[in-house]
PDB file of N, CA and C in Angstrom:
ATOM      1  N   MET A   1      53.985 114.771 101.775  1.00  0.00           N
ATOM      2  CA  MET A   1      54.885 113.771 101.239  1.00  0.00           C
ATOM      3  C   MET A   1      54.547 112.424 101.887  1.00  0.00           C
ATOM      4  N   GLU A   2      54.733 111.406 101.139  1.00  0.00           N
ATOM      5  CA  GLU A   2      54.441 110.057 101.634  1.00  0.00           C
ATOM      6  C   GLU A   2      55.427 109.674 102.739  1.00  0.00           C
ATOM      7  N   PRO A   3      54.975 108.937 103.764  1.00  0.00           N
ATOM      8  CA  PRO A   3      55.875 108.545 104.864  1.00  0.00           C
ATOM      9  C   PRO A   3      57.065 107.721 104.396  1.00  0.00           C
ATOM     10  N   TRP A   4      56.876 106.867 103.407  1.00  0.00           N
ATOM     11  CA  TRP A   4      57.982 106.019 102.962  1.00  0.00           C
ATOM     12  C   TRP A   4      59.021 106.829 102.207  1.00  0.00           C
ATOM     13  N   VAL A   5      58.615 107.996 101.645  1.00  0.00           N
ATOM     14  CA  VAL A   5      59.590 108.870 100.996  1.00  0.00           C
ATOM     15  C   VAL A   5      60.390 109.615 102.060  1.00  0.00           C
ATOM     16  N   GLU A   6      59.702 110.095 103.107  1.00  0.00           N
ATOM     17  CA  GLU A   6      60.367 110.832 104.175  1.00  0.00           C
ATOM     18  C   GLU A   6      61.378 109.976 104.918  1.00  0.00           C
ATOM     19  N   GLN A   7      61.122 108.703 105.021  1.00  0.00           N
ATOM     20  CA  GLN A   7      62.022 107.804 105.742  1.00  0.00           C
ATOM     21  C   GLN A   7      63.163 107.319 104.871  1.00  0.00           C
ATOM     22  N   GLY A   8      63.236 107.780 103.647  1.00  0.00           N
ATOM     23  CA  GLY A   8      64.322 107.373 102.766  1.00  0.00           C
ATOM     24  C   GLY A   8      64.147 105.992 102.189  1.00  0.00           C
ATOM     25  N   LEU A   9      62.925 105.484 102.185  1.00  0.00           N
ATOM     26  CA  LEU A   9      62.694 104.134 101.689  1.00  0.00           C
ATOM     27  C   LEU A   9      62.416 104.109 100.189  1.00  0.00           C
ATOM     28  N   MET A  10      62.294 105.278  99.603  1.00  0.00           N
ATOM     29  CA  MET A  10      62.047 105.325  98.168  1.00  0.00           C
ATOM     30  C   MET A  10      63.377 105.148  97.443  1.00  0.00           C
ATOM     31  N   THR A  11      63.483 104.126  96.649  1.00  0.00           N
ATOM     32  CA  THR A  11      64.690 103.896  95.864  1.00  0.00           C
ATOM     33  C   THR A  11      64.293 103.627  94.427  1.00  0.00           C
ATOM     34  N   ARG A  12      65.196 103.953  93.545  1.00  0.00           N
ATOM     35  CA  ARG A  12      64.958 103.654  92.138  1.00  0.00           C
ATOM     36  C   ARG A  12      65.382 102.227  91.866  1.00  0.00           C
ATOM     37  N   LYS A  13      64.683 101.614  90.958  1.00  0.00           N
ATOM     38  CA  LYS A  13      65.098 100.290  90.515  1.00  0.00           C
ATOM     39  C   LYS A  13      66.389 100.453  89.725  1.00  0.00           C
ATOM     40  N   HIS A  14      67.307  99.562  89.917  1.00  0.00           N
ATOM     41  CA  HIS A  14      68.562  99.636  89.183  1.00  0.00           C
ATOM     42  C   HIS A  14      68.523  98.701  87.980  1.00  0.00           C
ATOM     43  N   THR A  15      67.403  98.711  87.342  1.00  0.00           N
ATOM     44  CA  THR A  15      67.267  97.947  86.115  1.00  0.00           C
ATOM     45  C   THR A  15      67.600  98.865  84.955  1.00  0.00           C
ATOM     46  N   SER A  16      67.798  98.302  83.810  1.00  0.00           N
ATOM     47  CA  SER A  16      68.130  99.109  82.642  1.00  0.00           C
ATOM     48  C   SER A  16      67.095 100.194  82.366  1.00  0.00           C
ATOM     49  N   PRO A  17      65.794  99.880  82.334  1.00  0.00           N
ATOM     50  CA  PRO A  17      64.828 100.962  82.086  1.00  0.00           C
ATOM     51  C   PRO A  17      64.874 102.035  83.165  1.00  0.00           C
ATOM     52  N   GLY A  18      65.095 101.630  84.420  1.00  0.00           N
ATOM     53  CA  GLY A  18      65.178 102.604  85.498  1.00  0.00           C
ATOM     54  C   GLY A  18      66.368 103.527  85.349  1.00  0.00           C
ATOM     55  N   GLN A  19      67.495 102.974  84.950  1.00  0.00           N
ATOM     56  CA  GLN A  19      68.693 103.794  84.775  1.00  0.00           C
ATOM     57  C   GLN A  19      68.531 104.763  83.619  1.00  0.00           C
ATOM     58  N   TRP A  20      67.870 104.352  82.576  1.00  0.00           N
ATOM     59  CA  TRP A  20      67.780 105.218  81.406  1.00  0.00           C
ATOM     60  C   TRP A  20      66.714 106.293  81.557  1.00  0.00           C
ATOM     61  N   THR A  21      65.913 106.235  82.621  1.00  0.00           N
ATOM     62  CA  THR A  21      64.967 107.318  82.867  1.00  0.00           C
ATOM     63  C   THR A  21      65.570 108.376  83.781  1.00  0.00           C
ATOM     64  N   MET A  22      66.746 108.133  84.324  1.00  0.00           N
ATOM     65  CA  MET A  22      67.447 109.123  85.135  1.00  0.00           C
ATOM     66  C   MET A  22      68.024 110.203  84.235  1.00  0.00           C
ATOM     67  N   HIS A  23      68.352 111.326  84.830  1.00  0.00           N
ATOM     68  CA  HIS A  23      69.082 112.357  84.101  1.00  0.00           C
ATOM     69  C   HIS A  23      70.445 111.771  83.742  1.00  0.00           C
ATOM     70  N   PRO A  24      70.976 112.068  82.571  1.00  0.00           N
ATOM     71  CA  PRO A  24      72.256 111.473  82.167  1.00  0.00           C
ATOM     72  C   PRO A  24      73.394 111.704  83.156  1.00  0.00           C
ATOM     73  N   TRP A  25      73.426 112.864  83.796  1.00  0.00           N
ATOM     74  CA  TRP A  25      74.493 113.126  84.761  1.00  0.00           C
ATOM     75  C   TRP A  25      74.352 112.227  85.980  1.00  0.00           C
ATOM     76  N   GLU A  26      73.120 112.053  86.443  1.00  0.00           N
ATOM     77  CA  GLU A  26      72.878 111.176  87.590  1.00  0.00           C
ATOM     78  C   GLU A  26      73.229 109.737  87.237  1.00  0.00           C
ATOM     79  N   ARG A  27      72.836 109.319  86.041  1.00  0.00           N
ATOM     80  CA  ARG A  27      73.127 107.950  85.598  1.00  0.00           C
ATOM     81  C   ARG A  27      74.636 107.720  85.554  1.00  0.00           C
ATOM     82  N   ASP A  28      75.377 108.680  84.984  1.00  0.00           N
ATOM     83  CA  ASP A  28      76.827 108.526  84.900  1.00  0.00           C
ATOM     84  C   ASP A  28      77.456 108.496  86.286  1.00  0.00           C
ATOM     85  N   ALA A  29      76.957 109.331  87.194  1.00  0.00           N
ATOM     86  CA  ALA A  29      77.491 109.358  88.555  1.00  0.00           C
ATOM     87  C   ALA A  29      77.250 108.022  89.251  1.00  0.00           C
ATOM     88  N   ARG A  30      76.057 107.474  89.103  1.00  0.00           N
ATOM     89  CA  ARG A  30      75.747 106.196  89.737  1.00  0.00           C
ATOM     90  C   ARG A  30      76.558 105.045  89.124  1.00  0.00           C
ATOM     91  N   MET A  31      76.746 105.080  87.809  1.00  0.00           N
ATOM     92  CA  MET A  31      77.552 104.039  87.166  1.00  0.00           C
ATOM     93  C   MET A  31      79.007 104.137  87.614  1.00  0.00           C
ATOM     94  N   ALA A  32      79.515 105.365  87.754  1.00  0.00           N
ATOM     95  CA  ALA A  32      80.892 105.545  88.214  1.00  0.00           C
ATOM     96  C   ALA A  32      81.056 105.015  89.630  1.00  0.00           C
ATOM     97  N   ARG A  33      80.095 105.302  90.490  1.00  0.00           N
ATOM     98  CA  ARG A  33      80.175 104.823  91.881  1.00  0.00           C
ATOM     99  C   ARG A  33      80.143 103.296  91.917  1.00  0.00           C
ATOM    100  N   LYS A  34      79.291 102.715  91.091  1.00  0.00           N
ATOM    101  CA  LYS A  34      79.209 101.249  91.046  1.00  0.00           C
ATOM    102  C   LYS A  34      80.542 100.660  90.572  1.00  0.00           C
ATOM    103  N   ALA A  35      81.167 101.303  89.595  1.00  0.00           N
ATOM    104  CA  ALA A  35      82.462 100.832  89.109  1.00  0.00           C
ATOM    105  C   ALA A  35      83.524 100.973  90.193  1.00  0.00           C
ATOM    106  N   LEU A  36      83.489 102.076  90.936  1.00  0.00           N
ATOM    107  CA  LEU A  36      84.470 102.279  92.004  1.00  0.00           C
ATOM    108  C   LEU A  36      84.281 101.282  93.139  1.00  0.00           C
ATOM    109  N   ASP A  37      83.050 100.892  93.401  1.00  0.00           N
ATOM    110  CA  ASP A  37      82.779  99.926  94.463  1.00  0.00           C
ATOM    111  C   ASP A  37      83.063  98.497  94.021  1.00  0.00           C
ATOM    112  N   GLY A  38      83.220  98.295  92.723  1.00  0.00           N
ATOM    113  CA  GLY A  38      83.433  96.952  92.186  1.00  0.00           C
ATOM    114  C   GLY A  38      84.903  96.579  92.160  1.00  0.00           C
ATOM    115  N   HIS A  39      85.193  95.590  91.390  1.00  0.00           N
ATOM    116  CA  HIS A  39      86.555  95.097  91.273  1.00  0.00           C
ATOM    117  C   HIS A  39      87.297  95.883  90.191  1.00  0.00           C
ATOM    118  N   PRO A  40      88.620  95.780  90.140  1.00  0.00           N
ATOM    119  CA  PRO A  40      89.403  96.570  89.181  1.00  0.00           C
ATOM    120  C   PRO A  40      88.994  96.408  87.719  1.00  0.00           C
ATOM    121  N   GLN A  41      88.390  95.291  87.354  1.00  0.00           N
ATOM    122  CA  GLN A  41      87.963  95.118  85.973  1.00  0.00           C
ATOM    123  C   GLN A  41      86.852  96.093  85.606  1.00  0.00           C
ATOM    124  N   ALA A  42      86.138  96.600  86.599  1.00  0.00           N
ATOM    125  CA  ALA A  42      85.050  97.541  86.343  1.00  0.00           C
ATOM    126  C   ALA A  42      85.559  98.959  86.101  1.00  0.00           C
ATOM    127  N   TYR A  43      86.839  99.220  86.346  1.00  0.00           N
ATOM    128  CA  TYR A  43      87.374 100.556  86.182  1.00  0.00           C
ATOM    129  C   TYR A  43      87.361 101.007  84.725  1.00  0.00           C
ATOM    130  N   GLY A  44      87.277 100.059  83.811  1.00  0.00           N
ATOM    131  CA  GLY A  44      87.178 100.418  82.396  1.00  0.00           C
ATOM    132  C   GLY A  44      85.977 101.298  82.116  1.00  0.00           C
ATOM    133  N   LEU A  45      84.934 101.137  82.901  1.00  0.00           N
ATOM    134  CA  LEU A  45      83.756 101.985  82.746  1.00  0.00           C
ATOM    135  C   LEU A  45      84.098 103.450  82.985  1.00  0.00           C
ATOM    136  N   LEU A  46      84.978 103.726  83.958  1.00  0.00           N
ATOM    137  CA  LEU A  46      85.396 105.098  84.221  1.00  0.00           C
ATOM    138  C   LEU A  46      86.088 105.696  83.000  1.00  0.00           C
ATOM    139  N   ILE A  47      86.930 104.901  82.375  1.00  0.00           N
ATOM    140  CA  ILE A  47      87.638 105.368  81.180  1.00  0.00           C
ATOM    141  C   ILE A  47      86.644 105.597  80.046  1.00  0.00           C
ATOM    142  N   GLU A  48      85.682 104.692  79.908  1.00  0.00           N
ATOM    143  CA  GLU A  48      84.666 104.866  78.866  1.00  0.00           C
ATOM    144  C   GLU A  48      83.882 106.155  79.083  1.00  0.00           C
ATOM    145  N   LEU A  49      83.472 106.413  80.311  1.00  0.00           N
ATOM    146  CA  LEU A  49      82.745 107.652  80.598  1.00  0.00           C
ATOM    147  C   LEU A  49      83.605 108.867  80.272  1.00  0.00           C
ATOM    148  N   ALA A  50      84.866 108.822  80.687  1.00  0.00           N
ATOM    149  CA  ALA A  50      85.754 109.959  80.467  1.00  0.00           C
ATOM    150  C   ALA A  50      85.992 110.223  78.982  1.00  0.00           C
ATOM    151  N   CYS A  51      86.047 109.162  78.193  1.00  0.00           N
ATOM    152  CA  CYS A  51      86.371 109.320  76.765  1.00  0.00           C
ATOM    153  C   CYS A  51      85.155 109.641  75.899  1.00  0.00           C
ATOM    154  N   THR A  52      83.972 109.306  76.358  1.00  0.00           N
ATOM    155  CA  THR A  52      82.796 109.477  75.501  1.00  0.00           C
ATOM    156  C   THR A  52      81.913 110.651  75.905  1.00  0.00           C
ATOM    157  N   ARG A  53      82.270 111.354  76.972  1.00  0.00           N
ATOM    158  CA  ARG A  53      81.450 112.474  77.430  1.00  0.00           C
ATOM    159  C   ARG A  53      82.160 113.792  77.140  1.00  0.00           C
ATOM    160  N   SER A  54      81.378 114.813  76.876  1.00  0.00           N
ATOM    161  CA  SER A  54      81.941 116.144  76.677  1.00  0.00           C
ATOM    162  C   SER A  54      82.371 116.720  78.019  1.00  0.00           C
ATOM    163  N   SER A  55      83.073 117.831  77.984  1.00  0.00           N
ATOM    164  CA  SER A  55      83.500 118.486  79.219  1.00  0.00           C
ATOM    165  C   SER A  55      82.307 118.877  80.076  1.00  0.00           C
ATOM    166  N   ASP A  56      81.262 119.373  79.450  1.00  0.00           N
ATOM    167  CA  ASP A  56      80.058 119.767  80.190  1.00  0.00           C
ATOM    168  C   ASP A  56      79.377 118.562  80.830  1.00  0.00           C
ATOM    169  N   GLU A  57      79.347 117.444  80.115  1.00  0.00           N
ATOM    170  CA  GLU A  57      78.731 116.235  80.657  1.00  0.00           C
ATOM    171  C   GLU A  57      79.548 115.681  81.834  1.00  0.00           C
ATOM    172  N   LEU A  58      80.872 115.740  81.736  1.00  0.00           N
ATOM    173  CA  LEU A  58      81.709 115.288  82.844  1.00  0.00           C
ATOM    174  C   LEU A  58      81.536 116.185  84.063  1.00  0.00           C
ATOM    175  N   LEU A  59      81.446 117.487  83.825  1.00  0.00           N
ATOM    176  CA  LEU A  59      81.223 118.411  84.930  1.00  0.00           C
ATOM    177  C   LEU A  59      79.889 118.121  85.612  1.00  0.00           C
ATOM    178  N   GLY A  60      78.848 117.892  84.811  1.00  0.00           N
ATOM    179  CA  GLY A  60      77.543 117.568  85.370  1.00  0.00           C
ATOM    180  C   GLY A  60      77.560 116.276  86.165  1.00  0.00           C
ATOM    181  N   ALA A  61      78.271 115.267  85.657  1.00  0.00           N
ATOM    182  CA  ALA A  61      78.366 113.984  86.370  1.00  0.00           C
ATOM    183  C   ALA A  61      79.139 114.149  87.674  1.00  0.00           C
ATOM    184  N   ARG A  62      80.191 114.972  87.647  1.00  0.00           N
ATOM    185  CA  ARG A  62      80.946 115.213  88.883  1.00  0.00           C
ATOM    186  C   ARG A  62      80.082 115.914  89.927  1.00  0.00           C
ATOM    187  N   LYS A  63      79.287 116.886  89.479  1.00  0.00           N
ATOM    188  CA  LYS A  63      78.397 117.593  90.405  1.00  0.00           C
ATOM    189  C   LYS A  63      77.319 116.644  90.945  1.00  0.00           C
ATOM    190  N   ALA A  64      76.789 115.791  90.083  1.00  0.00           N
ATOM    191  CA  ALA A  64      75.778 114.828  90.520  1.00  0.00           C
ATOM    192  C   ALA A  64      76.385 113.848  91.523  1.00  0.00           C
ATOM    193  N   TYR A  65      77.595 113.398  91.279  1.00  0.00           N
ATOM    194  CA  TYR A  65      78.278 112.480  92.194  1.00  0.00           C
ATOM    195  C   TYR A  65      78.446 113.133  93.558  1.00  0.00           C
ATOM    196  N   GLN A  66      78.891 114.381  93.553  1.00  0.00           N
ATOM    197  CA  GLN A  66      79.078 115.119  94.808  1.00  0.00           C
ATOM    198  C   GLN A  66      77.757 115.250  95.555  1.00  0.00           C
ATOM    199  N   SER A  67      76.690 115.530  94.812  1.00  0.00           N
ATOM    200  CA  SER A  67      75.376 115.699  95.421  1.00  0.00           C
ATOM    201  C   SER A  67      74.835 114.386  95.977  1.00  0.00           C
ATOM    202  N   LEU A  68      75.011 113.305  95.234  1.00  0.00           N
ATOM    203  CA  LEU A  68      74.484 112.005  95.641  1.00  0.00           C
ATOM    204  C   LEU A  68      75.255 111.387  96.799  1.00  0.00           C
ATOM    205  N   TYR A  69      76.573 111.498  96.760  1.00  0.00           N
ATOM    206  CA  TYR A  69      77.400 110.744  97.696  1.00  0.00           C
ATOM    207  C   TYR A  69      78.169 111.616  98.690  1.00  0.00           C
ATOM    208  N   GLY A  70      78.117 112.928  98.523  1.00  0.00           N
ATOM    209  CA  GLY A  70      78.804 113.820  99.445  1.00  0.00           C
ATOM    210  C   GLY A  70      80.318 113.720  99.376  1.00  0.00           C
ATOM    211  N   GLU A  71      80.815 113.180  98.298  1.00  0.00           N
ATOM    212  CA  GLU A  71      82.249 112.988  98.109  1.00  0.00           C
ATOM    213  C   GLU A  71      82.621 113.404  96.700  1.00  0.00           C
ATOM    214  N   SER A  72      83.854 113.756  96.509  1.00  0.00           N
ATOM    215  CA  SER A  72      84.352 114.117  95.186  1.00  0.00           C
ATOM    216  C   SER A  72      84.749 112.849  94.432  1.00  0.00           C
ATOM    217  N   ILE A  73      84.298 112.750  93.204  1.00  0.00           N
ATOM    218  CA  ILE A  73      84.661 111.566  92.414  1.00  0.00           C
ATOM    219  C   ILE A  73      86.168 111.551  92.158  1.00  0.00           C
ATOM    220  N   LYS A  74      86.750 112.723  92.004  1.00  0.00           N
ATOM    221  CA  LYS A  74      88.187 112.798  91.769  1.00  0.00           C
ATOM    222  C   LYS A  74      88.959 112.220  92.949  1.00  0.00           C
ATOM    223  N   GLU A  75      88.540 112.557  94.169  1.00  0.00           N
ATOM    224  CA  GLU A  75      89.200 112.030  95.362  1.00  0.00           C
ATOM    225  C   GLU A  75      88.946 110.533  95.510  1.00  0.00           C
ATOM    226  N   ASP A  76      87.730 110.097  95.188  1.00  0.00           N
ATOM    227  CA  ASP A  76      87.433 108.663  95.264  1.00  0.00           C
ATOM    228  C   ASP A  76      88.288 107.876  94.282  1.00  0.00           C
ATOM    229  N   VAL A  77      88.426 108.394  93.066  1.00  0.00           N
ATOM    230  CA  VAL A  77      89.257 107.711  92.070  1.00  0.00           C
ATOM    231  C   VAL A  77      90.704 107.676  92.545  1.00  0.00           C
ATOM    232  N   ALA A  78      91.197 108.799  93.057  1.00  0.00           N
ATOM    233  CA  ALA A  78      92.590 108.863  93.506  1.00  0.00           C
ATOM    234  C   ALA A  78      92.864 107.887  94.645  1.00  0.00           C
ATOM    235  N   SER A  79      91.872 107.653  95.504  1.00  0.00           N
ATOM    236  CA  SER A  79      92.104 106.770  96.648  1.00  0.00           C
ATOM    237  C   SER A  79      91.799 105.299  96.355  1.00  0.00           C
ATOM    238  N   ARG A  80      90.975 105.015  95.358  1.00  0.00           N
ATOM    239  CA  ARG A  80      90.548 103.625  95.135  1.00  0.00           C
ATOM    240  C   ARG A  80      91.156 102.963  93.905  1.00  0.00           C
ATOM    241  N   VAL A  81      91.521 103.745  92.911  1.00  0.00           N
ATOM    242  CA  VAL A  81      91.950 103.185  91.622  1.00  0.00           C
ATOM    243  C   VAL A  81      93.477 103.233  91.543  1.00  0.00           C
ATOM    244  N   GLU A  82      94.046 102.182  91.008  1.00  0.00           N
ATOM    245  CA  GLU A  82      95.493 102.096  90.836  1.00  0.00           C
ATOM    246  C   GLU A  82      95.847 102.088  89.357  1.00  0.00           C
ATOM    247  N   GLY A  83      97.079 102.404  89.067  1.00  0.00           N
ATOM    248  CA  GLY A  83      97.617 102.233  87.733  1.00  0.00           C
ATOM    249  C   GLY A  83      97.172 103.257  86.716  1.00  0.00           C
ATOM    250  N   ILE A  84      97.193 102.837  85.480  1.00  0.00           N
ATOM    251  CA  ILE A  84      96.921 103.719  84.347  1.00  0.00           C
ATOM    252  C   ILE A  84      95.489 104.243  84.355  1.00  0.00           C
ATOM    253  N   GLU A  85      94.567 103.454  84.877  1.00  0.00           N
ATOM    254  CA  GLU A  85      93.180 103.909  84.928  1.00  0.00           C
ATOM    255  C   GLU A  85      93.059 105.171  85.774  1.00  0.00           C
ATOM    256  N   ARG A  86      93.771 105.222  86.883  1.00  0.00           N
ATOM    257  CA  ARG A  86      93.728 106.417  87.740  1.00  0.00           C
ATOM    258  C   ARG A  86      94.277 107.622  86.993  1.00  0.00           C
ATOM    259  N   GLN A  87      95.417 107.449  86.355  1.00  0.00           N
ATOM    260  CA  GLN A  87      96.023 108.566  85.639  1.00  0.00           C
ATOM    261  C   GLN A  87      95.108 109.076  84.530  1.00  0.00           C
ATOM    262  N   CYS A  88      94.524 108.157  83.777  1.00  0.00           N
ATOM    263  CA  CYS A  88      93.635 108.554  82.678  1.00  0.00           C
ATOM    264  C   CYS A  88      92.416 109.298  83.200  1.00  0.00           C
ATOM    265  N   TRP A  89      91.773 108.765  84.229  1.00  0.00           N
ATOM    266  CA  TRP A  89      90.562 109.408  84.747  1.00  0.00           C
ATOM    267  C   TRP A  89      90.885 110.794  85.305  1.00  0.00           C
ATOM    268  N   LEU A  90      91.980 110.923  86.053  1.00  0.00           N
ATOM    269  CA  LEU A  90      92.303 112.207  86.661  1.00  0.00           C
ATOM    270  C   LEU A  90      92.625 113.258  85.606  1.00  0.00           C
ATOM    271  N   VAL A  91      93.247 112.844  84.515  1.00  0.00           N
ATOM    272  CA  VAL A  91      93.493 113.789  83.417  1.00  0.00           C
ATOM    273  C   VAL A  91      92.170 114.238  82.804  1.00  0.00           C
ATOM    274  N   TYR A  92      91.264 113.318  82.577  1.00  0.00           N
ATOM    275  CA  TYR A  92      89.968 113.681  81.995  1.00  0.00           C
ATOM    276  C   TYR A  92      89.108 114.501  82.956  1.00  0.00           C
ATOM    277  N   CYS A  93      89.316 114.337  84.246  1.00  0.00           N
ATOM    278  CA  CYS A  93      88.573 115.155  85.225  1.00  0.00           C
ATOM    279  C   CYS A  93      88.923 116.635  85.088  1.00  0.00           C
ATOM    280  N   GLU A  94      90.083 116.890  84.603  1.00  0.00           N
ATOM    281  CA  GLU A  94      90.518 118.283  84.475  1.00  0.00           C
ATOM    282  C   GLU A  94      89.996 118.964  83.201  1.00  0.00           C
ATOM    283  N   ARG A  95      89.358 118.192  82.323  1.00  0.00           N
ATOM    284  CA  ARG A  95      88.859 118.789  81.067  1.00  0.00           C
ATOM    285  C   ARG A  95      87.785 119.785  81.357  1.00  0.00           C
TER     286      ARG A  95
END
């Protein structure tokens, strides 16, 4: 393995082409994390993901999130998001 890969220096470009070459579950997990790290206006992305993905796709994104960040997306949403967005996302997490 290359030394720069072993040291964790290999990163994906976060450009549109780079994101669309990721597995869809990984892409959704990364977009959700970015929305959670952003301002409350970005929480709409969480609702969009929840409403446009099937149950299997949401499960895959949750597993990818757990794998990438070592945290549960459900717990992150519960601790970071306020209001109706939190309620909507948590209901869709149970699908």
